[in-house]
N, C-alpha and C. Protein backbone atom coordinates (compact mmCIF):
# COMPACT_ATOMS: atom_id res chain seq x y z
N MET A 1 -150.29 39.99 -242.58
CA MET A 1 -149.84 39.24 -241.53
C MET A 1 -149.21 37.97 -242.00
N GLN A 2 -148.04 37.60 -241.43
CA GLN A 2 -147.32 36.44 -241.86
C GLN A 2 -147.18 35.43 -240.52
N VAL A 3 -147.47 34.23 -240.72
CA VAL A 3 -147.47 33.26 -239.75
C VAL A 3 -146.54 32.07 -240.10
N LEU A 4 -145.66 31.78 -239.21
CA LEU A 4 -144.73 30.68 -239.47
C LEU A 4 -144.99 29.53 -238.46
N LEU A 5 -145.44 28.37 -238.92
CA LEU A 5 -145.69 27.23 -238.11
C LEU A 5 -144.35 26.42 -237.92
N ILE A 6 -144.04 25.96 -236.78
CA ILE A 6 -142.75 25.19 -236.62
C ILE A 6 -143.13 23.90 -235.94
N ASP A 7 -142.63 22.85 -236.62
CA ASP A 7 -142.88 21.41 -236.08
C ASP A 7 -141.48 20.76 -236.03
N ASP A 8 -141.39 19.73 -235.20
CA ASP A 8 -140.12 18.94 -235.17
C ASP A 8 -140.02 17.98 -236.23
N VAL A 9 -141.10 17.21 -236.56
CA VAL A 9 -140.98 16.21 -237.60
C VAL A 9 -142.29 16.33 -238.43
N VAL A 10 -142.14 16.25 -239.77
CA VAL A 10 -143.30 16.22 -240.69
C VAL A 10 -143.28 14.87 -241.34
N THR A 11 -144.38 14.12 -241.41
CA THR A 11 -144.39 12.84 -242.14
C THR A 11 -145.37 13.14 -243.34
N LYS A 12 -146.69 13.04 -243.15
CA LYS A 12 -147.69 13.30 -244.11
C LYS A 12 -148.03 14.85 -244.17
N GLY A 13 -147.88 15.51 -243.00
CA GLY A 13 -148.17 16.91 -242.92
C GLY A 13 -149.52 17.20 -242.37
N ARG A 14 -150.10 16.14 -241.80
CA ARG A 14 -151.57 16.34 -241.20
C ARG A 14 -151.57 17.37 -240.08
N THR A 15 -150.61 17.31 -239.18
CA THR A 15 -150.53 18.21 -238.03
C THR A 15 -150.32 19.69 -238.55
N LEU A 16 -149.45 19.93 -239.45
CA LEU A 16 -149.28 21.25 -240.05
C LEU A 16 -150.56 21.65 -240.75
N MET A 17 -151.13 20.92 -241.48
CA MET A 17 -152.43 21.19 -242.24
C MET A 17 -153.49 21.58 -241.26
N ALA A 18 -153.69 20.76 -240.20
CA ALA A 18 -154.73 21.05 -239.19
C ALA A 18 -154.48 22.41 -238.63
N ALA A 19 -153.19 22.73 -238.25
CA ALA A 19 -152.88 23.97 -237.51
C ALA A 19 -153.07 25.13 -238.51
N SER A 20 -152.66 24.94 -239.76
CA SER A 20 -152.89 26.02 -240.69
C SER A 20 -154.36 26.21 -241.05
N LEU A 21 -155.19 25.29 -241.02
CA LEU A 21 -156.62 25.47 -241.17
C LEU A 21 -157.27 26.29 -240.04
N ARG A 22 -156.86 25.99 -238.90
CA ARG A 22 -157.35 26.69 -237.76
C ARG A 22 -156.95 28.10 -237.72
N LEU A 23 -155.66 28.37 -238.09
CA LEU A 23 -155.17 29.72 -238.26
C LEU A 23 -155.85 30.45 -239.35
N ARG A 24 -156.12 29.76 -240.55
CA ARG A 24 -156.82 30.41 -241.56
C ARG A 24 -158.24 30.80 -241.19
N SER A 25 -158.94 30.01 -240.33
CA SER A 25 -160.23 30.45 -240.00
C SER A 25 -160.29 31.65 -239.00
N ALA A 26 -159.15 31.77 -238.32
CA ALA A 26 -159.07 33.02 -237.30
C ALA A 26 -158.51 34.20 -238.15
N PHE A 27 -157.59 34.04 -239.05
CA PHE A 27 -156.84 35.06 -239.77
C PHE A 27 -156.89 34.75 -241.29
N PRO A 28 -157.95 35.01 -241.92
CA PRO A 28 -158.15 34.60 -243.28
C PRO A 28 -157.16 35.33 -244.24
N GLN A 29 -156.60 36.39 -243.92
CA GLN A 29 -155.68 37.17 -244.81
C GLN A 29 -154.23 36.83 -244.53
N ALA A 30 -153.92 36.02 -243.57
CA ALA A 30 -152.49 35.68 -243.25
C ALA A 30 -151.89 34.83 -244.20
N GLN A 31 -150.56 35.02 -244.41
CA GLN A 31 -149.74 34.17 -245.21
C GLN A 31 -149.12 33.15 -244.21
N ILE A 32 -149.44 31.90 -244.49
CA ILE A 32 -149.02 30.90 -243.54
C ILE A 32 -148.00 29.98 -244.26
N THR A 33 -146.84 29.88 -243.55
CA THR A 33 -145.79 28.95 -243.95
C THR A 33 -145.36 28.13 -242.81
N ALA A 34 -144.64 27.09 -243.08
CA ALA A 34 -144.21 26.19 -242.11
C ALA A 34 -142.76 25.72 -242.20
N PHE A 35 -142.15 25.35 -241.09
CA PHE A 35 -140.92 24.79 -241.01
C PHE A 35 -140.79 23.54 -240.11
N ALA A 36 -140.25 22.45 -240.67
CA ALA A 36 -140.05 21.37 -239.88
C ALA A 36 -138.54 20.96 -239.85
N LEU A 37 -138.05 20.64 -238.72
CA LEU A 37 -136.70 20.24 -238.57
C LEU A 37 -136.29 19.00 -239.33
N VAL A 38 -137.16 18.01 -239.41
CA VAL A 38 -136.89 16.70 -239.97
C VAL A 38 -138.28 16.28 -240.81
N ARG A 39 -138.00 15.68 -241.88
CA ARG A 39 -139.13 15.20 -242.65
C ARG A 39 -138.85 13.66 -242.89
N THR A 40 -139.82 12.88 -242.67
CA THR A 40 -139.66 11.48 -242.90
C THR A 40 -140.11 11.07 -244.26
N LEU A 41 -139.55 9.99 -244.70
CA LEU A 41 -139.92 9.61 -246.12
C LEU A 41 -140.65 8.24 -246.15
N GLY A 42 -140.93 7.75 -244.93
CA GLY A 42 -141.66 6.44 -244.85
C GLY A 42 -140.69 5.35 -245.26
N PHE A 43 -141.26 4.26 -245.92
CA PHE A 43 -140.40 3.17 -246.33
C PHE A 43 -139.95 3.33 -247.80
N VAL A 44 -139.04 4.27 -247.91
CA VAL A 44 -138.46 4.58 -249.27
C VAL A 44 -137.04 3.85 -249.39
N PRO A 45 -136.88 2.94 -250.29
CA PRO A 45 -135.61 2.25 -250.45
C PRO A 45 -134.53 3.23 -250.97
N GLY A 46 -133.33 3.03 -250.56
CA GLY A 46 -132.18 3.71 -251.25
C GLY A 46 -132.18 5.20 -250.96
N ILE A 47 -132.24 5.67 -249.75
CA ILE A 47 -132.23 7.12 -249.41
C ILE A 47 -130.82 7.54 -249.74
N ARG A 48 -130.72 8.51 -250.61
CA ARG A 48 -129.35 8.92 -250.91
C ARG A 48 -128.65 9.69 -249.95
N GLN A 49 -129.35 10.58 -249.17
CA GLN A 49 -128.71 11.38 -248.21
C GLN A 49 -129.63 11.67 -246.97
N LEU A 50 -129.08 11.50 -245.82
CA LEU A 50 -129.93 11.62 -244.67
C LEU A 50 -130.37 13.01 -244.34
N LEU A 51 -129.42 13.95 -244.44
CA LEU A 51 -129.67 15.37 -244.29
C LEU A 51 -129.86 16.03 -245.65
N ASP A 52 -131.09 16.00 -246.16
CA ASP A 52 -131.30 16.64 -247.52
C ASP A 52 -132.35 17.70 -247.35
N PRO A 53 -131.95 18.98 -247.14
CA PRO A 53 -132.98 19.98 -247.06
C PRO A 53 -133.85 20.09 -248.30
N CYS A 54 -135.14 20.45 -248.08
CA CYS A 54 -135.94 20.67 -249.25
C CYS A 54 -137.06 21.67 -248.89
N GLN A 55 -137.57 22.13 -249.93
CA GLN A 55 -138.71 23.05 -249.84
C GLN A 55 -139.92 22.51 -250.66
N GLY A 56 -141.11 22.51 -250.16
CA GLY A 56 -142.21 21.92 -250.83
C GLY A 56 -143.52 22.41 -250.33
N GLU A 57 -144.54 21.65 -250.54
CA GLU A 57 -145.84 22.06 -250.30
C GLU A 57 -146.73 20.89 -249.77
N ILE A 58 -147.53 21.27 -248.81
CA ILE A 58 -148.53 20.22 -248.24
C ILE A 58 -149.87 20.71 -248.70
N CYS A 59 -150.64 19.84 -249.30
CA CYS A 59 -152.03 20.33 -249.78
C CYS A 59 -153.00 19.14 -249.32
N TRP A 60 -154.28 19.60 -249.43
CA TRP A 60 -155.46 18.60 -249.12
C TRP A 60 -155.82 18.08 -250.45
N ASN A 61 -155.83 16.79 -250.70
CA ASN A 61 -156.21 16.19 -252.06
C ASN A 61 -157.68 15.73 -252.06
N GLY A 62 -158.50 16.09 -251.05
CA GLY A 62 -159.84 15.83 -251.03
C GLY A 62 -160.13 14.63 -249.93
N THR A 63 -159.07 13.79 -249.69
CA THR A 63 -159.35 12.74 -248.75
C THR A 63 -158.16 12.68 -247.68
N ASP A 64 -157.06 13.25 -247.95
CA ASP A 64 -155.82 13.26 -247.10
C ASP A 64 -154.88 14.31 -247.55
N THR A 65 -153.88 14.45 -246.74
CA THR A 65 -152.83 15.47 -247.12
C THR A 65 -151.91 14.79 -248.18
N ASP A 66 -151.34 15.68 -249.00
CA ASP A 66 -150.40 15.29 -250.01
C ASP A 66 -149.15 16.24 -249.94
N ARG A 67 -148.05 15.59 -249.58
CA ARG A 67 -146.88 16.33 -249.38
C ARG A 67 -145.89 16.17 -250.63
N GLN A 68 -145.48 17.36 -251.10
CA GLN A 68 -144.53 17.36 -252.28
C GLN A 68 -143.35 18.15 -251.97
N PRO A 69 -142.16 17.77 -251.87
CA PRO A 69 -141.62 16.36 -251.83
C PRO A 69 -141.86 15.86 -250.47
């Protein structure tokens, strides 16, 4: 089974992480991926391009989510 989570904006990825954990508990064999229309970068100086598509990963680092990139 494949599940695609869709969000409007991803900042740290906490909402997507929480949703994926709930889905994982109900469907342990599911392949869970996510799509967000916009990702924020926080207070990053010198943003090169406003619309810069990317592919990355959101993980739990033991205390909080860690989004790369």
